[in-house]
Amino acid sequence: MKLLGAIYDSPVKLLEKAERDGAALTQALSNCDESAVHDSLFNFAITAYHLVDWVKTLRPEVDISKVSDLLEGSECLRACRDLCNASKHIDLTKYPPTAQDVRFSATAATSISNTSASQPPWRLKIQMKDGHTIRADDLVSDVIDAWKTFFADNHIQ
C-alpha cells in the first residue's frame, strides 16, 4: 500500500522537497534560529536519505547496486543516513555510523557587531567519526549534487 502517493509521487518530487528542506536549513542558519535549524536539518536528512528507498521502489529498472554505490560513495549522504536513523531510533546498532555528532561553532568574527546576515555568528557542523567536520551548508549542496548527478546518469526524470 502506497499511502504517500497523494503527497509525492516520484523520486524527482522528493528530491525537490529535499532542495526546499536544504534551503530552509540555510535560511535558518542565516537567521540564527536554532529551533528552525534543528527542524530543517532533521527534515533534510530524512528526505535526502529516504530517496534511496524511493528510487529502489519506484524505479525498479535502476540497478540496486548503483544506489548502494551512491550511498557508499557519498560521505554526506551517509551522514544524512546516520542523522535520519539516529533521529528515529536514538541508538544506531545495525551498522557502524560515520557521523558522530552535530555541533554549533562560532565563526571567526571578533564581535557580534562584525557579523552580518550573510555570515551568522555560528555555524552548524556534522562531526564525523574520523574527527573531521562537514559544514551543514556543504552537506546540503553535496547531497543535492550527488542525487542530481545520479538522477541524470540513470535517466530519472
Foldseek 3Di string as FASTA:
>chain_A
DDPCCVPDPALVVLLVVLLVLLVQLVLCVLVVPVVSNVVSLQVNLQSLQCSLVRCVPVVVVDDNVVSVCLCVVALLNLLSVVSNCCVVPVDDDPDDGFWDDKDKAADPDPDCVPDDSVGHRIWIWTATPVGDIDTSNNSSVSSSVSVVVVCVVVVPD
